[in-house]
């Protein structure tokens, strides 16, 4: 459903709910069509997709992006051919510049992108 200004009250309720839902799940087509956001890497033609995705992981970490954004970006990096070691290496590379707090805050989102349940791992003493 496309958002359209105006309309009846019931239609508006569905409109804002659908907008919020699509933004929350990072619906790339919706973000591009409705918000004018290009979530790809159009300006990074000189970087291969994997390097561009790793840079994006580092940038999202640096700005304190929400967990869902980090999970999404991590998944995109994996799809572009980055390994889990390269992605976590990116976190370690930006750590001296952005600080421990940003890295700690990013860890659950990155773990989610890997499909790694960090919460469960933290509850298991002695497990890697």
N, C-alpha and C. Protein backbone atom coordinates (compact mmCIF):
# COMPACT_ATOMS: atom_id res chain seq x y z
N UNK A 1 0.84 -1.18 0.00
CA UNK A 1 0.00 0.00 0.00
C UNK A 1 0.88 1.23 0.00
N UNK A 2 0.64 2.11 -0.93
CA UNK A 2 1.39 3.36 -1.00
C UNK A 2 0.73 4.38 -0.09
N UNK A 3 1.53 5.21 0.50
CA UNK A 3 1.03 6.28 1.34
C UNK A 3 0.51 7.39 0.45
N UNK A 4 -0.61 7.93 0.79
CA UNK A 4 -1.16 9.06 0.05
C UNK A 4 -1.72 10.04 1.06
N UNK A 5 -1.36 11.33 0.94
CA UNK A 5 -1.91 12.31 1.88
C UNK A 5 -3.41 12.43 1.69
N UNK A 6 -4.08 12.84 2.74
CA UNK A 6 -5.53 13.00 2.68
C UNK A 6 -6.21 11.68 2.92
N UNK A 7 -7.47 11.60 2.49
CA UNK A 7 -8.20 10.35 2.67
C UNK A 7 -8.94 10.35 3.99
N UNK A 8 -9.60 9.25 4.28
CA UNK A 8 -10.37 9.21 5.52
C UNK A 8 -9.49 8.83 6.70
N UNK A 9 -10.02 8.99 7.87
CA UNK A 9 -9.27 8.74 9.10
C UNK A 9 -8.78 7.30 9.16
N UNK A 10 -9.64 6.36 8.78
CA UNK A 10 -9.25 4.95 8.81
C UNK A 10 -8.10 4.71 7.84
N UNK A 11 -8.16 5.26 6.64
CA UNK A 11 -7.09 5.10 5.65
C UNK A 11 -5.79 5.71 6.14
N UNK A 12 -5.87 6.82 6.85
CA UNK A 12 -4.67 7.44 7.37
C UNK A 12 -4.02 6.57 8.43
N UNK A 13 -4.84 5.92 9.27
CA UNK A 13 -4.29 5.06 10.31
C UNK A 13 -3.51 3.91 9.68
N UNK A 14 -4.08 3.31 8.66
CA UNK A 14 -3.38 2.24 7.97
C UNK A 14 -2.12 2.78 7.33
N UNK A 15 -2.20 3.99 6.77
CA UNK A 15 -1.04 4.60 6.12
C UNK A 15 0.13 4.77 7.07
N UNK A 16 -0.08 5.40 8.22
CA UNK A 16 1.04 5.62 9.12
C UNK A 16 1.55 4.32 9.72
N UNK A 17 0.64 3.37 9.98
CA UNK A 17 1.07 2.09 10.53
C UNK A 17 1.94 1.34 9.52
N UNK A 18 1.52 1.37 8.26
CA UNK A 18 2.29 0.70 7.21
C UNK A 18 3.65 1.37 7.01
N UNK A 19 3.67 2.68 7.06
CA UNK A 19 4.93 3.42 6.93
C UNK A 19 5.88 3.02 8.06
N UNK A 20 5.41 3.04 9.29
CA UNK A 20 6.25 2.69 10.43
C UNK A 20 6.73 1.24 10.35
N UNK A 21 5.85 0.33 9.94
CA UNK A 21 6.22 -1.08 9.83
C UNK A 21 7.32 -1.25 8.78
N UNK A 22 7.15 -0.62 7.64
CA UNK A 22 8.14 -0.77 6.56
C UNK A 22 9.47 -0.13 6.92
N UNK A 23 9.43 0.98 7.64
CA UNK A 23 10.68 1.59 8.09
C UNK A 23 11.36 0.71 9.12
N UNK A 24 10.59 0.13 10.03
CA UNK A 24 11.16 -0.71 11.09
C UNK A 24 11.86 -1.95 10.55
N UNK A 25 11.36 -2.48 9.43
CA UNK A 25 11.98 -3.68 8.86
C UNK A 25 12.98 -3.34 7.77
N UNK A 26 13.24 -2.08 7.56
CA UNK A 26 14.14 -1.58 6.53
C UNK A 26 13.76 -2.16 5.17
N UNK A 27 12.55 -1.84 4.75
CA UNK A 27 12.06 -2.22 3.43
C UNK A 27 12.76 -1.32 2.42
N UNK A 28 13.76 -1.85 1.74
CA UNK A 28 14.60 -1.05 0.86
C UNK A 28 13.81 -0.39 -0.27
N UNK A 29 12.89 -1.12 -0.88
CA UNK A 29 12.10 -0.56 -1.98
C UNK A 29 11.24 0.58 -1.47
N UNK A 30 10.63 0.40 -0.31
CA UNK A 30 9.81 1.46 0.27
C UNK A 30 10.65 2.68 0.60
N UNK A 31 11.81 2.46 1.21
CA UNK A 31 12.68 3.59 1.57
C UNK A 31 13.08 4.38 0.33
N UNK A 32 13.33 3.69 -0.75
CA UNK A 32 13.71 4.35 -1.99
C UNK A 32 12.53 5.06 -2.63
N UNK A 33 11.42 4.36 -2.76
CA UNK A 33 10.24 4.93 -3.43
C UNK A 33 9.59 6.05 -2.65
N UNK A 34 9.42 5.86 -1.35
CA UNK A 34 8.64 6.80 -0.56
C UNK A 34 9.45 7.85 0.17
N UNK A 35 10.66 7.50 0.60
CA UNK A 35 11.46 8.46 1.37
C UNK A 35 12.62 9.02 0.57
N UNK A 36 12.83 8.50 -0.64
CA UNK A 36 13.92 8.99 -1.46
C UNK A 36 15.30 8.59 -0.96
N UNK A 37 15.34 7.55 -0.12
CA UNK A 37 16.62 7.07 0.40
C UNK A 37 17.16 5.97 -0.50
N UNK A 38 18.39 6.10 -0.91
CA UNK A 38 19.03 5.05 -1.68
C UNK A 38 19.93 4.30 -0.72
N UNK A 39 19.60 3.06 -0.45
CA UNK A 39 20.32 2.30 0.55
C UNK A 39 21.46 1.48 -0.04
N UNK A 40 21.64 1.54 -1.33
CA UNK A 40 22.75 0.86 -1.97
C UNK A 40 24.01 1.70 -1.83
N UNK A 41 24.91 1.53 -2.74
CA UNK A 41 26.17 2.25 -2.69
C UNK A 41 26.45 2.97 -4.01
N UNK A 42 25.56 3.87 -4.45
CA UNK A 42 25.74 4.49 -5.75
C UNK A 42 26.99 5.35 -5.85
N UNK A 43 27.44 5.95 -4.77
CA UNK A 43 28.60 6.81 -4.81
C UNK A 43 29.91 6.07 -4.60
N UNK A 44 29.84 4.78 -4.40
CA UNK A 44 31.04 4.00 -4.08
C UNK A 44 31.46 3.14 -5.26
N UNK A 45 31.41 3.69 -6.45
CA UNK A 45 31.74 2.90 -7.65
C UNK A 45 33.17 2.40 -7.65
N UNK A 46 34.08 3.10 -6.97
CA UNK A 46 35.47 2.68 -6.96
C UNK A 46 35.76 1.61 -5.90
N UNK A 47 34.77 1.31 -5.07
CA UNK A 47 34.93 0.26 -4.06
C UNK A 47 34.14 -0.96 -4.49
N UNK A 48 34.70 -2.13 -4.24
CA UNK A 48 33.91 -3.31 -4.54
C UNK A 48 32.80 -3.42 -3.49
N UNK A 49 31.74 -4.15 -3.79
CA UNK A 49 30.59 -4.22 -2.88
C UNK A 49 30.95 -4.68 -1.47
N UNK A 50 31.89 -5.60 -1.33
CA UNK A 50 32.27 -6.09 0.00
C UNK A 50 32.92 -4.98 0.81
N UNK A 51 33.86 -4.28 0.23
CA UNK A 51 34.53 -3.19 0.95
C UNK A 51 33.53 -2.10 1.30
N UNK A 52 32.67 -1.77 0.36
CA UNK A 52 31.65 -0.76 0.62
C UNK A 52 30.75 -1.17 1.79
N UNK A 53 30.35 -2.44 1.83
CA UNK A 53 29.50 -2.93 2.93
C UNK A 53 30.24 -2.88 4.26
N UNK A 54 31.53 -3.19 4.26
CA UNK A 54 32.31 -3.11 5.51
C UNK A 54 32.42 -1.67 5.99
N UNK A 55 32.61 -0.75 5.07
CA UNK A 55 32.65 0.67 5.43
C UNK A 55 31.32 1.09 6.05
N UNK A 56 30.23 0.61 5.48
CA UNK A 56 28.92 0.95 6.02
C UNK A 56 28.72 0.40 7.42
N UNK A 57 29.19 -0.81 7.68
CA UNK A 57 29.12 -1.38 9.04
C UNK A 57 29.88 -0.46 10.01
N UNK A 58 31.09 -0.06 9.61
CA UNK A 58 31.88 0.84 10.45
C UNK A 58 31.20 2.18 10.68
N UNK A 59 30.60 2.73 9.63
CA UNK A 59 29.93 4.03 9.75
C UNK A 59 28.68 3.94 10.64
N UNK A 60 27.89 2.89 10.46
CA UNK A 60 26.71 2.73 11.31
C UNK A 60 27.09 2.54 12.76
N UNK A 61 28.17 1.82 12.99
CA UNK A 61 28.67 1.64 14.35
C UNK A 61 29.09 2.99 14.93
N UNK A 62 29.79 3.78 14.13
CA UNK A 62 30.30 5.07 14.60
C UNK A 62 29.19 6.04 14.97
N UNK A 63 28.08 5.99 14.26
CA UNK A 63 27.01 6.95 14.55
C UNK A 63 26.04 6.44 15.59
N UNK A 64 26.27 5.22 16.08
CA UNK A 64 25.38 4.67 17.10
C UNK A 64 24.04 4.25 16.54
N UNK A 65 24.05 3.68 15.34
CA UNK A 65 22.81 3.27 14.68
C UNK A 65 22.07 2.23 15.50
N UNK A 66 20.76 2.17 15.34
CA UNK A 66 19.97 1.16 16.06
C UNK A 66 20.38 -0.27 15.67
N UNK A 67 20.11 -1.19 16.57
CA UNK A 67 20.48 -2.59 16.39
C UNK A 67 19.96 -3.15 15.07
N UNK A 68 18.72 -2.83 14.71
CA UNK A 68 18.13 -3.36 13.49
C UNK A 68 18.91 -2.89 12.26
N UNK A 69 19.44 -1.67 12.27
CA UNK A 69 20.23 -1.18 11.15
C UNK A 69 21.56 -1.93 11.05
N UNK A 70 22.17 -2.19 12.18
CA UNK A 70 23.42 -2.95 12.17
C UNK A 70 23.20 -4.38 11.72
N UNK A 71 22.10 -4.98 12.14
CA UNK A 71 21.78 -6.33 11.71
C UNK A 71 21.57 -6.37 10.20
N UNK A 72 20.82 -5.41 9.69
CA UNK A 72 20.56 -5.32 8.25
C UNK A 72 21.87 -5.14 7.48
N UNK A 73 22.69 -4.21 7.92
CA UNK A 73 23.94 -3.91 7.22
C UNK A 73 24.91 -5.08 7.30
N UNK A 74 24.94 -5.76 8.42
CA UNK A 74 25.79 -6.94 8.56
C UNK A 74 25.35 -8.03 7.60
N UNK A 75 24.06 -8.23 7.48
CA UNK A 75 23.53 -9.22 6.53
C UNK A 75 23.91 -8.84 5.10
N UNK A 76 23.84 -7.55 4.79
CA UNK A 76 24.23 -7.07 3.45
C UNK A 76 25.72 -7.32 3.21
N UNK A 77 26.54 -7.11 4.23
CA UNK A 77 27.98 -7.34 4.09
C UNK A 77 28.26 -8.82 3.84
N UNK A 78 27.59 -9.69 4.58
CA UNK A 78 27.76 -11.13 4.37
C UNK A 78 27.35 -11.51 2.95
N UNK A 79 26.23 -10.95 2.49
CA UNK A 79 25.76 -11.24 1.14
C UNK A 79 26.73 -10.73 0.07
N UNK A 80 27.48 -9.69 0.40
CA UNK A 80 28.46 -9.13 -0.53
C UNK A 80 29.78 -9.90 -0.51
N UNK A 81 29.88 -10.90 0.36
CA UNK A 81 31.07 -11.74 0.40
C UNK A 81 31.99 -11.51 1.58
N UNK A 82 31.63 -10.61 2.48
CA UNK A 82 32.45 -10.39 3.68
C UNK A 82 32.28 -11.57 4.63
N UNK A 83 33.32 -11.87 5.37
CA UNK A 83 33.25 -12.93 6.36
C UNK A 83 32.94 -12.33 7.73
N UNK A 84 32.55 -13.19 8.65
CA UNK A 84 32.31 -12.72 10.02
C UNK A 84 33.58 -12.12 10.60
N UNK A 85 34.73 -12.71 10.29
CA UNK A 85 36.00 -12.18 10.79
C UNK A 85 36.29 -10.79 10.22
N UNK A 86 35.97 -10.57 8.96
CA UNK A 86 36.19 -9.25 8.36
C UNK A 86 35.26 -8.21 8.96
N UNK A 87 34.05 -8.61 9.25
CA UNK A 87 33.08 -7.66 9.83
C UNK A 87 33.48 -7.31 11.26
N UNK A 88 33.83 -8.32 12.06
CA UNK A 88 34.26 -8.01 13.42
C UNK A 88 35.61 -7.29 13.40
N UNK A 89 36.44 -7.57 12.42
CA UNK A 89 37.68 -6.83 12.25
C UNK A 89 37.43 -5.36 11.96
N UNK A 90 36.37 -5.08 11.23
CA UNK A 90 35.97 -3.70 10.97
C UNK A 90 35.60 -3.00 12.28
N UNK A 91 34.87 -3.70 13.14
CA UNK A 91 34.53 -3.11 14.44
C UNK A 91 35.79 -2.79 15.24
N UNK A 92 36.73 -3.72 15.23
CA UNK A 92 37.97 -3.48 15.97
C UNK A 92 38.80 -2.35 15.35
N UNK A 93 38.73 -2.21 14.02
CA UNK A 93 39.48 -1.15 13.35
C UNK A 93 38.94 0.24 13.69
N UNK A 94 37.63 0.36 13.85
CA UNK A 94 37.06 1.68 14.16
C UNK A 94 37.01 1.96 15.66
N UNK A 95 37.22 0.95 16.49
CA UNK A 95 37.12 1.09 17.94
C UNK A 95 37.99 2.22 18.51
N UNK A 96 39.26 2.34 18.13
CA UNK A 96 40.08 3.41 18.71
C UNK A 96 39.57 4.81 18.38
N UNK A 97 38.84 4.92 17.28
CA UNK A 97 38.34 6.23 16.86
C UNK A 97 36.99 6.55 17.50
N UNK A 98 36.12 5.54 17.62
CA UNK A 98 34.76 5.82 18.08
C UNK A 98 34.51 5.46 19.54
N UNK A 99 35.36 4.65 20.14
CA UNK A 99 35.24 4.35 21.55
C UNK A 99 34.52 3.05 21.86
N UNK A 100 34.77 2.60 23.07
CA UNK A 100 34.24 1.33 23.55
C UNK A 100 32.71 1.30 23.58
N UNK A 101 32.10 2.38 24.01
CA UNK A 101 30.65 2.41 24.13
C UNK A 101 29.94 2.11 22.83
N UNK A 102 30.40 2.69 21.74
CA UNK A 102 29.79 2.45 20.43
C UNK A 102 29.98 1.01 19.99
N UNK A 103 31.15 0.44 20.28
CA UNK A 103 31.43 -0.93 19.88
C UNK A 103 30.55 -1.90 20.67
N UNK A 104 30.45 -1.68 21.96
CA UNK A 104 29.61 -2.53 22.81
C UNK A 104 28.16 -2.45 22.36
N UNK A 105 27.70 -1.24 22.04
CA UNK A 105 26.32 -1.07 21.59
C UNK A 105 26.07 -1.74 20.24
N UNK A 106 27.08 -1.81 19.40
CA UNK A 106 26.94 -2.40 18.07
C UNK A 106 26.95 -3.92 18.09
N UNK A 107 27.60 -4.52 19.06
CA UNK A 107 27.80 -5.97 19.08
C UNK A 107 26.51 -6.78 18.92
N UNK A 108 25.42 -6.47 19.62
CA UNK A 108 24.21 -7.28 19.45
C UNK A 108 23.62 -7.21 18.04
N UNK A 109 23.66 -6.04 17.41
CA UNK A 109 23.14 -5.92 16.05
C UNK A 109 23.96 -6.69 15.05
N UNK A 110 25.28 -6.62 15.19
CA UNK A 110 26.16 -7.37 14.30
C UNK A 110 25.97 -8.87 14.53
N UNK A 111 25.88 -9.27 15.78
CA UNK A 111 25.64 -10.69 16.09
C UNK A 111 24.33 -11.16 15.48
N UNK A 112 23.30 -10.33 15.55
CA UNK A 112 22.01 -10.68 14.94
C UNK A 112 22.13 -10.89 13.44
N UNK A 113 22.95 -10.08 12.79
CA UNK A 113 23.17 -10.25 11.37
C UNK A 113 23.86 -11.56 11.04
N UNK A 114 24.65 -12.06 11.97
CA UNK A 114 25.32 -13.35 11.80
C UNK A 114 24.39 -14.51 12.11
N UNK A 115 23.25 -14.22 12.76
CA UNK A 115 22.39 -15.28 13.24
C UNK A 115 22.91 -15.88 14.54
N UNK A 116 23.76 -15.11 15.23
CA UNK A 116 24.39 -15.55 16.47
C UNK A 116 23.62 -14.96 17.65
N UNK A 117 23.12 -15.80 18.52
CA UNK A 117 22.34 -15.35 19.68
C UNK A 117 23.31 -14.97 20.80
N UNK A 118 23.72 -13.73 20.80
CA UNK A 118 24.70 -13.26 21.78
C UNK A 118 24.15 -13.29 23.19
N UNK A 119 22.84 -13.06 23.32
CA UNK A 119 22.21 -13.10 24.65
C UNK A 119 22.34 -14.49 25.27
N UNK A 120 22.06 -15.51 24.48
CA UNK A 120 22.18 -16.88 24.96
C UNK A 120 23.62 -17.22 25.27
N UNK A 121 24.55 -16.74 24.44
CA UNK A 121 25.98 -17.01 24.67
C UNK A 121 26.47 -16.38 25.96
N UNK A 122 25.93 -15.22 26.30
CA UNK A 122 26.34 -14.54 27.53
C UNK A 122 25.81 -15.26 28.77
N UNK A 123 24.73 -16.01 28.60
CA UNK A 123 24.15 -16.76 29.72
C UNK A 123 24.86 -18.09 29.97
N UNK A 124 25.67 -18.54 29.01
CA UNK A 124 26.38 -19.81 29.12
C UNK A 124 27.81 -19.56 29.58
N UNK A 125 28.09 -19.68 30.87
CA UNK A 125 29.45 -19.42 31.33
C UNK A 125 30.44 -20.43 30.75
N UNK A 126 31.58 -19.92 30.35
CA UNK A 126 32.65 -20.77 29.85
C UNK A 126 32.52 -21.16 28.40
N UNK A 127 31.42 -20.85 27.74
CA UNK A 127 31.25 -21.16 26.32
C UNK A 127 31.83 -20.02 25.49
N UNK A 128 32.46 -20.34 24.35
CA UNK A 128 32.97 -19.27 23.48
C UNK A 128 31.89 -18.53 22.77
